[in-house]
Amino acid sequence: MKKLISMLAAAALCAAMTGCSDDGGDIPLLPFEPSPESSSISDDSSDSPPAPDYGDVELPFAAQYYLKGESDNTVTACKALIKGAEEMDRSVSLRGLGISSSQLGDLISLVVSTVPELTMVDSEYSYSTDKNDTVTECRFNYLYGEKEREHIRRELDTAADVIVGAAAGLSDFDKLLSFHDAIIRKCTYTDRAESPYTAYGCLVEGEAVCEGYSKAFMMLCQRSGIDCLTVYGTATRDEVTAHMWNKVRLDGEWYNFDITWDDPVSSIGRDYIGYDYFAVSDRDISVNHEFDETGFMKYPDAVSDSENYFVKNGLYITDISEADSILLSAITDQLSAGSRYVQVKCSSDEVYNDFIEREFGGSSKNARIFDLLAAAAYAGGPSFDSSTYSVSKDEGMRIVTLILEV
């Protein structure tokens, strides 16, 4: 019998599905596949006992969701990998479970994306197969030791508990809004940090890329009893790049959340929090996001708009006759809240085009928006310069962001 030893060398195991480039875009997502460099040595361990059943391991919701309908052996293998990684075991037995090498890569992808507390797994793993080419053993490397692991876990638990505690008693929608805003205020998008691909990097170090954002958001949801998944895919701005975001179930319906893209790296301002990707349907997010399913990670459809941020907050324009009243109300509300950023969303391309022409058409000083700014200034409240403004238009998402001078 032969034992095949294969190594995966990626930027980071927990980051092998996503990373970050210098221009702020994520680097390509890589599946967990062995590198071409493999060697074989004789294996005398064919009589080793089979893997235990790991019945004491409780899978998080996301892992349960992705593994529904899979065999008991596959579920056991996932539990074995989770327990082994949590306990920092060098070797995890998968003997007798019938897991192929390609399935192992998909299972590791599932594990590191559904258990955000796993921050210690290194960028390399190896595995052994038997004569039937099924995996008998998976071996992990770790970034640091037991004492460091405990310290990092305590810090991560504390940071998460503070955010979850601040949202106690709120509705699920408002909890998600609180988590969304807390992550954006706390974290800066960068790959030049110690742990940018982890929830720890996002919630404790305050520096992360999309994987860290999405894992942190899922961790907060898990601790609040809200069903949340991480999603692998690509996103397109100037170019197609790998990306990770979330799907969350609210009131029985699934919605997309992209916390990273609501934390824009732009000239708008460091205090800006966007809501463009807060509870959006597949129809909307597919304008610039594409889903990438793995062997085990199949995503639920998101077809509803009822819990969308703009719909829930009266900022959703379905008829051009509503535009003036919705925009004026949004301006006064945001000024009263101490914000100079006003966002509204249109229900269709036709409404969006009519809205742009109605509010911002005409010469620079005759646009209808100046009448609304004057009305907002006349209504009282915080003072601002009603004679000038800036505007950001997202035609794909049909969202207009107005930036006031306060």
Protein backbone atom coordinates (compact mmCIF):
# COMPACT_ATOMS: atom_id res chain seq x y z
CA MET A 1 0.00 0.00 0.00
CA LYS A 2 1.14 3.54 -0.69
CA LYS A 3 0.49 6.69 1.25
CA LEU A 4 0.20 9.88 -0.80
CA ILE A 5 1.32 13.06 0.87
CA SER A 6 0.09 16.31 -0.67
CA MET A 7 0.62 19.84 0.52
CA LEU A 8 -1.49 22.93 -0.04
CA ALA A 9 0.46 26.19 0.05
CA ALA A 10 -1.82 29.22 -0.11
CA ALA A 11 -1.67 32.74 1.25
CA ALA A 12 -3.42 31.43 4.33
CA LEU A 13 -5.62 28.39 4.88
CA CYS A 14 -8.39 30.49 6.28
CA ALA A 15 -7.66 32.87 3.42
CA ALA A 16 -7.31 30.38 0.64
CA MET A 17 -10.74 31.29 -0.59
CA THR A 18 -10.19 35.02 -0.53
CA GLY A 19 -7.53 37.68 -0.20
CA CYS A 20 -6.81 41.25 -1.07
CA SER A 21 -4.83 43.16 -3.65
CA ASP A 22 -3.16 46.53 -3.40
CA ASP A 23 -6.01 48.30 -5.19
CA GLY A 24 -8.55 47.21 -2.60
CA GLY A 25 -9.94 44.30 -4.61
CA ASP A 26 -9.90 40.72 -3.43
CA ILE A 27 -7.45 38.29 -5.01
CA PRO A 28 -8.81 35.16 -6.74
CA LEU A 29 -10.51 32.57 -4.58
CA LEU A 30 -8.70 29.26 -4.73
CA PRO A 31 -10.33 25.89 -4.01
CA PHE A 32 -8.54 23.65 -1.54
CA GLU A 33 -6.61 21.48 -3.97
CA PRO A 34 -3.25 19.76 -3.48
CA SER A 35 -0.25 21.32 -5.14
CA PRO A 36 1.34 19.48 -8.10
CA GLU A 37 4.34 18.58 -5.93
CA SER A 38 3.43 15.24 -4.33
CA SER A 39 5.46 12.31 -3.15
CA SER A 40 4.60 8.82 -2.01
CA ILE A 41 6.07 6.68 0.73
CA SER A 42 5.19 3.24 1.99
CA ASP A 43 2.31 3.05 4.43
CA ASP A 44 2.19 0.33 7.05
CA SER A 45 -0.84 1.73 8.87
CA SER A 46 -3.54 -0.09 6.90
CA ASP A 47 -4.80 -1.78 10.06
CA SER A 48 -5.33 1.47 11.95
CA PRO A 49 -8.73 1.75 13.66
CA PRO A 50 -11.49 3.71 11.90
CA ALA A 51 -12.30 7.29 12.83
CA PRO A 52 -14.56 7.75 15.87
CA ASP A 53 -18.10 9.01 15.29
CA TYR A 54 -17.56 12.46 16.91
CA GLY A 55 -21.14 12.46 18.13
CA ASP A 56 -20.28 14.99 20.83
CA VAL A 57 -19.39 17.71 18.29
CA GLU A 58 -22.17 20.20 17.63
CA LEU A 59 -22.06 21.72 14.15
CA PRO A 60 -22.83 25.43 13.78
CA PHE A 61 -25.97 26.32 11.82
CA ALA A 62 -24.10 27.12 8.61
CA ALA A 63 -22.34 23.74 8.56
CA GLN A 64 -25.63 21.98 9.28
CA TYR A 65 -27.30 23.86 6.45
CA TYR A 66 -24.62 23.06 3.91
CA LEU A 67 -24.44 19.39 4.91
CA LYS A 68 -28.16 18.65 4.91
CA GLY A 69 -28.78 15.65 2.70
CA GLU A 70 -25.15 14.53 2.87
CA SER A 71 -24.15 11.10 4.17
CA ASP A 72 -23.51 10.40 7.84
CA ASN A 73 -19.86 9.76 6.96
CA THR A 74 -19.51 13.21 5.40
CA VAL A 75 -21.03 14.84 8.49
CA THR A 76 -18.69 12.82 10.70
CA ALA A 77 -15.70 13.92 8.64
CA CYS A 78 -16.71 17.55 9.03
CA LYS A 79 -17.07 17.12 12.79
CA ALA A 80 -13.67 15.43 12.94
CA LEU A 81 -12.00 18.32 11.10
CA ILE A 82 -13.70 20.92 13.29
CA LYS A 83 -12.77 19.16 16.53
CA GLY A 84 -9.24 18.50 15.36
CA ALA A 85 -8.69 22.13 14.37
CA GLU A 86 -10.27 23.44 17.59
CA GLU A 87 -8.03 21.22 19.71
CA MET A 88 -5.02 21.94 17.48
CA ASP A 89 -4.45 18.26 16.72
CA ARG A 90 -1.67 17.67 14.23
CA SER A 91 -3.44 14.67 12.75
CA VAL A 92 -7.15 14.02 12.22
CA SER A 93 -8.25 10.49 11.36
CA LEU A 94 -10.79 10.16 8.55
CA ARG A 95 -10.20 6.45 8.01
CA GLY A 96 -13.22 4.45 6.93
CA LEU A 97 -15.33 7.48 6.02
CA GLY A 98 -14.87 7.24 2.26
CA ILE A 99 -13.81 10.88 1.75
CA SER A 100 -12.01 11.55 -1.53
CA SER A 101 -9.17 14.06 -1.82
CA SER A 102 -11.37 16.50 -3.75
CA GLN A 103 -14.09 16.22 -1.10
CA LEU A 104 -11.51 16.93 1.60
CA GLY A 105 -10.69 20.29 0.03
CA ASP A 106 -14.39 21.21 -0.11
CA LEU A 107 -14.86 20.11 3.50
CA ILE A 108 -11.96 22.23 4.71
CA SER A 109 -13.43 25.18 2.80
CA LEU A 110 -16.71 24.56 4.59
CA VAL A 111 -15.06 24.24 8.01
CA VAL A 112 -12.98 27.43 7.86
CA SER A 113 -15.93 29.44 6.50
CA THR A 114 -18.55 28.27 9.01
CA VAL A 115 -16.50 28.24 12.24
CA PRO A 116 -15.21 31.83 12.58
CA GLU A 117 -13.45 31.03 15.87
CA LEU A 118 -10.86 28.96 13.97
CA THR A 119 -8.12 31.55 13.58
CA MET A 120 -5.07 29.39 14.20
CA VAL A 121 -4.99 27.06 11.18
CA ASP A 122 -1.92 27.58 9.00
CA SER A 123 -1.64 27.79 5.23
CA GLU A 124 -0.59 24.18 4.68
CA TYR A 125 -2.33 20.89 5.18
CA SER A 126 -1.48 17.39 4.03
CA TYR A 127 -3.45 14.19 3.75
CA SER A 128 -2.95 10.46 3.30
CA THR A 129 -5.00 8.12 1.14
CA ASP A 130 -5.40 4.33 1.14
CA LYS A 131 -5.29 1.94 -1.81
CA ASN A 132 -8.83 2.97 -2.74
CA ASP A 133 -7.74 6.62 -2.95
CA THR A 134 -9.89 7.65 0.01
CA VAL A 135 -8.48 9.92 2.70
CA THR A 136 -7.31 8.23 5.88
CA GLU A 137 -5.73 11.19 7.63
CA CYS A 138 -5.61 14.98 7.41
CA ARG A 139 -2.75 16.91 9.00
CA PHE A 140 -2.92 20.57 9.94
CA ASN A 141 -0.23 23.07 10.82
CA TYR A 142 -0.97 25.93 13.21
CA LEU A 143 0.11 29.54 13.34
CA TYR A 144 0.76 29.64 17.07
CA GLY A 145 0.64 27.60 20.24
CA GLU A 146 -1.97 26.74 22.84
CA LYS A 147 -1.38 29.76 25.09
CA GLU A 148 -1.59 32.18 22.18
CA ARG A 149 -4.70 30.42 20.93
CA GLU A 150 -6.42 30.87 24.31
CA HIS A 151 -5.45 34.54 24.49
CA ILE A 152 -6.74 35.24 20.97
CA ARG A 153 -9.96 33.33 21.64
CA ARG A 154 -10.61 35.34 24.83
CA GLU A 155 -10.07 38.62 23.01
CA LEU A 156 -12.33 37.56 20.15
CA ASP A 157 -15.05 36.35 22.51
CA THR A 158 -14.93 39.62 24.45
CA ALA A 159 -15.12 41.78 21.32
CA ALA A 160 -18.03 39.77 19.92
CA ASP A 161 -19.89 39.74 23.25
CA VAL A 162 -19.67 43.54 23.54
CA ILE A 163 -21.28 44.02 20.12
CA VAL A 164 -23.92 41.34 20.67
CA GLY A 165 -24.69 42.70 24.14
CA ALA A 166 -25.23 46.21 22.79
CA ALA A 167 -27.92 44.83 20.47
CA ALA A 168 -29.73 42.76 23.13
CA GLY A 169 -33.51 43.20 23.06
CA LEU A 170 -33.63 44.55 19.52
CA SER A 171 -35.51 42.96 16.65
CA ASP A 172 -33.46 40.73 14.36
CA PHE A 173 -33.48 43.45 11.69
CA ASP A 174 -32.16 46.03 14.14
CA LYS A 175 -29.60 43.58 15.52
CA LEU A 176 -28.26 43.09 12.01
CA LEU A 177 -28.19 46.84 11.51
CA SER A 178 -26.26 47.22 14.77
CA PHE A 179 -23.76 44.49 13.77
CA HIS A 180 -23.36 45.99 10.29
CA ASP A 181 -22.59 49.46 11.64
CA ALA A 182 -20.34 48.20 14.46
CA ILE A 183 -18.15 46.22 12.04
CA ILE A 184 -17.82 49.14 9.63
CA ARG A 185 -16.94 51.59 12.42
CA LYS A 186 -14.45 49.18 13.97
CA CYS A 187 -12.72 47.75 10.90
CA THR A 188 -10.61 49.19 8.09
CA TYR A 189 -10.31 47.29 4.82
CA THR A 190 -6.71 46.18 4.31
CA ASP A 191 -4.64 43.05 3.76
CA ARG A 192 -1.60 44.57 5.48
CA ALA A 193 -2.55 43.39 8.94
CA GLU A 194 -1.65 40.48 11.19
CA SER A 195 -4.86 38.47 10.62
CA PRO A 196 -6.84 40.09 7.78
CA TYR A 197 -8.72 36.91 6.82
CA THR A 198 -10.24 36.22 10.23
CA ALA A 199 -13.01 37.44 12.50
CA TYR A 200 -10.23 38.25 14.98
CA GLY A 201 -8.61 40.61 12.48
CA CYS A 202 -11.93 42.35 11.94
CA LEU A 203 -13.28 42.58 15.50
CA VAL A 204 -10.08 42.84 17.57
CA GLU A 205 -7.29 44.18 15.35
CA GLY A 206 -9.69 46.34 13.34
CA GLU A 207 -8.14 45.45 9.98
CA ALA A 208 -9.44 42.83 7.56
CA VAL A 209 -10.44 41.93 4.02
CA CYS A 210 -13.81 40.60 2.89
CA GLU A 211 -13.29 37.17 4.48
CA GLY A 212 -12.67 38.76 7.87
CA TYR A 213 -15.73 41.00 7.51
CA SER A 214 -18.02 38.13 6.54
CA LYS A 215 -16.75 35.77 9.24
CA ALA A 216 -17.14 38.45 11.89
CA PHE A 217 -20.71 39.16 10.75
CA MET A 218 -21.56 35.45 10.83
CA MET A 219 -20.02 35.08 14.29
CA LEU A 220 -22.22 37.87 15.65
CA CYS A 221 -25.28 36.34 13.99
CA GLN A 222 -24.49 32.88 15.38
CA ARG A 223 -24.29 34.28 18.90
CA SER A 224 -27.65 35.99 18.44
CA GLY A 225 -29.49 32.97 17.06
CA ILE A 226 -29.79 34.46 13.56
CA ASP A 227 -29.33 32.06 10.64
CA CYS A 228 -26.33 33.22 8.61
CA LEU A 229 -24.13 31.73 5.89
CA THR A 230 -20.86 32.79 4.30
CA VAL A 231 -20.88 32.95 0.50
CA TYR A 232 -17.96 32.49 -1.90
CA GLY A 233 -18.01 34.23 -5.27
CA THR A 234 -16.65 37.03 -7.39
CA ALA A 235 -17.48 40.72 -7.56
CA THR A 236 -16.92 43.25 -10.31
CA ARG A 237 -16.03 46.91 -10.11
CA ASP A 238 -13.11 47.83 -12.33
CA GLU A 239 -12.31 44.14 -12.72
CA VAL A 240 -13.55 40.74 -11.63
CA THR A 241 -12.10 39.77 -8.25
CA ALA A 242 -12.74 37.03 -5.71
CA HIS A 243 -15.04 37.95 -2.87
CA MET A 244 -16.91 36.70 0.20
CA TRP A 245 -20.17 37.98 1.66
CA ASN A 246 -23.15 36.59 3.63
CA LYS A 247 -26.69 35.34 3.32
CA VAL A 248 -29.02 35.82 6.29
CA ARG A 249 -32.51 34.49 6.95
CA LEU A 250 -34.98 37.10 8.19
CA ASP A 251 -38.65 36.34 8.81
CA GLY A 252 -38.31 33.14 6.79
CA GLU A 253 -36.68 34.75 3.73
CA TRP A 254 -33.02 34.83 2.69
CA TYR A 255 -31.15 38.07 1.91
CA ASN A 256 -27.63 38.99 0.84
CA PHE A 257 -25.43 41.16 3.07
CA ASP A 258 -22.09 42.52 1.89
CA ILE A 259 -20.58 44.38 4.83
CA THR A 260 -17.29 44.92 2.99
CA TRP A 261 -18.89 46.79 0.11
CA ASP A 262 -20.92 48.89 2.55
CA ASP A 263 -17.58 50.08 3.99
CA PRO A 264 -16.35 51.91 0.89
CA VAL A 265 -12.75 52.88 0.31
CA SER A 266 -13.49 56.17 -1.45
CA SER A 267 -13.28 59.94 -1.30
CA ILE A 268 -16.79 60.20 0.18
CA GLY A 269 -15.46 60.22 3.73
CA ARG A 270 -14.23 57.97 6.52
CA ASP A 271 -17.46 58.50 8.47
CA TYR A 272 -19.59 57.17 5.64
CA ILE A 273 -21.57 53.94 6.18
CA GLY A 274 -23.40 52.60 3.15
CA TYR A 275 -26.49 50.38 3.13
CA ASP A 276 -26.40 49.43 -0.55
CA TYR A 277 -25.91 45.74 0.28
CA PHE A 278 -28.02 45.41 3.43
CA ALA A 279 -30.60 42.65 2.88
CA VAL A 280 -30.67 42.63 -0.91
CA SER A 281 -32.12 40.05 -3.28
CA ASP A 282 -30.15 37.88 -5.67
CA ARG A 283 -31.54 40.00 -8.51
CA ASP A 284 -29.93 43.13 -7.14
CA ILE A 285 -26.62 41.73 -5.93
CA SER A 286 -26.14 39.80 -9.17
CA VAL A 287 -25.58 43.12 -10.91
CA ASN A 288 -21.96 42.98 -9.71
CA HIS A 289 -21.66 39.75 -7.67
CA GLU A 290 -21.54 36.16 -8.92
CA PHE A 291 -22.01 33.12 -6.70
CA ASP A 292 -19.40 30.35 -6.68
CA GLU A 293 -20.75 27.17 -5.13
CA THR A 294 -18.47 24.38 -3.92
CA GLY A 295 -19.11 20.66 -3.66
CA PHE A 296 -20.91 21.14 -0.35
CA MET A 297 -21.78 24.82 -0.20
CA LYS A 298 -25.01 25.39 -2.14
CA TYR A 299 -26.69 28.72 -1.49
CA PRO A 300 -30.39 29.40 -0.89
CA ASP A 301 -32.27 31.72 -3.23
CA ALA A 302 -32.87 35.28 -2.04
CA VAL A 303 -35.94 36.63 -3.83
CA SER A 304 -37.56 39.03 -1.37
CA ASP A 305 -37.06 42.77 -0.90
CA SER A 306 -39.31 43.16 2.14
CA GLU A 307 -36.44 43.39 4.68
CA ASN A 308 -34.20 45.52 2.47
CA TYR A 309 -32.75 48.52 4.30
CA PHE A 310 -34.31 51.07 1.95
CA VAL A 311 -37.72 49.37 1.89
CA LYS A 312 -37.86 49.11 5.71
CA ASN A 313 -36.82 52.74 6.20
CA GLY A 314 -39.10 54.41 3.66
CA LEU A 315 -36.22 55.20 1.29
CA TYR A 316 -37.47 53.07 -1.61
CA ILE A 317 -38.95 54.95 -4.55
CA THR A 318 -41.42 52.87 -6.57
CA ASP A 319 -43.17 55.76 -8.34
CA ILE A 320 -41.65 59.04 -9.49
CA SER A 321 -44.54 60.94 -7.89
CA GLU A 322 -43.14 59.86 -4.49
CA ALA A 323 -39.62 61.08 -5.18
CA ASP A 324 -39.80 64.60 -3.73
CA SER A 325 -41.45 63.61 -0.46
CA ILE A 326 -39.17 60.60 0.11
CA LEU A 327 -35.99 62.55 -0.66
CA LEU A 328 -37.02 65.57 1.45
CA SER A 329 -37.87 63.32 4.39
CA ALA A 330 -34.55 61.50 4.00
CA ILE A 331 -32.61 64.78 4.01
CA THR A 332 -34.26 66.11 7.16
CA ASP A 333 -33.99 62.76 8.96
CA GLN A 334 -30.29 62.37 8.18
CA LEU A 335 -29.50 65.94 9.22
CA SER A 336 -31.35 65.41 12.49
CA ALA A 337 -29.34 62.23 13.06
CA GLY A 338 -26.11 64.16 12.59
CA SER A 339 -25.28 62.64 9.20
CA ARG A 340 -24.56 64.42 5.96
CA TYR A 341 -25.12 61.34 3.80
CA VAL A 342 -28.56 60.72 2.29
CA GLN A 343 -29.33 57.53 0.39
CA VAL A 344 -32.41 56.48 -1.58
CA LYS A 345 -33.03 53.48 -3.81
CA CYS A 346 -35.28 53.16 -6.86
CA SER A 347 -37.32 50.05 -7.61
CA SER A 348 -36.52 49.82 -11.33
CA ASP A 349 -34.25 51.25 -14.00
CA GLU A 350 -37.14 53.31 -15.36
CA VAL A 351 -37.87 54.89 -11.98
CA TYR A 352 -34.15 55.48 -11.42
CA ASN A 353 -33.71 57.27 -14.75
CA ASP A 354 -36.82 59.40 -14.16
CA PHE A 355 -35.57 60.23 -10.65
CA ILE A 356 -32.15 61.36 -11.87
CA GLU A 357 -33.71 63.55 -14.55
CA ARG A 358 -36.36 64.97 -12.21
CA GLU A 359 -34.09 65.86 -9.27
CA PHE A 360 -30.75 66.58 -10.92
CA GLY A 361 -31.62 67.49 -14.51
CA GLY A 362 -31.43 70.99 -15.92
CA SER A 363 -28.69 73.53 -15.41
CA SER A 364 -26.59 73.34 -12.28
CA LYS A 365 -28.55 75.97 -10.35
CA ASN A 366 -32.00 75.05 -11.66
CA ALA A 367 -32.05 71.40 -10.67
CA ARG A 368 -35.06 70.43 -8.55
CA ILE A 369 -32.77 69.21 -5.77
CA PHE A 370 -32.06 72.82 -4.77
CA ASP A 371 -35.75 73.39 -4.03
CA LEU A 372 -35.69 70.36 -1.73
CA LEU A 373 -32.50 71.50 0.00
CA ALA A 374 -34.04 74.96 0.52
CA ALA A 375 -37.18 73.33 1.95
CA ALA A 376 -35.09 71.24 4.33
CA ALA A 377 -33.18 74.33 5.47
CA TYR A 378 -36.45 76.26 5.97
CA ALA A 379 -37.85 73.41 8.07
CA GLY A 380 -35.21 74.08 10.71
CA GLY A 381 -32.97 71.56 12.40
CA PRO A 382 -29.18 71.42 11.99
CA SER A 383 -27.81 74.08 9.68
CA PHE A 384 -26.22 73.18 6.36
CA ASP A 385 -25.32 74.83 3.09
CA SER A 386 -28.39 74.40 0.89
CA SER A 387 -26.66 75.98 -2.11
CA THR A 388 -24.27 73.10 -2.75
CA TYR A 389 -24.11 69.31 -2.61
CA SER A 390 -22.28 66.31 -4.03
CA VAL A 391 -23.89 63.20 -5.42
CA SER A 392 -22.79 59.60 -6.01
CA LYS A 393 -24.87 57.53 -8.43
CA ASP A 394 -24.91 53.73 -8.58
CA GLU A 395 -26.86 52.91 -11.71
CA GLY A 396 -26.54 49.13 -11.27
CA MET A 397 -27.99 49.10 -7.76
CA ARG A 398 -30.27 52.09 -8.57
CA ILE A 399 -29.02 53.97 -5.49
CA VAL A 400 -28.30 57.69 -5.18
CA THR A 401 -26.15 59.03 -2.35
CA LEU A 402 -26.40 62.74 -1.63
CA ILE A 403 -23.55 64.34 0.33
CA LEU A 404 -24.50 67.58 2.07
CA GLU A 405 -22.23 70.39 3.21
CA VAL A 406 -22.78 70.78 6.94
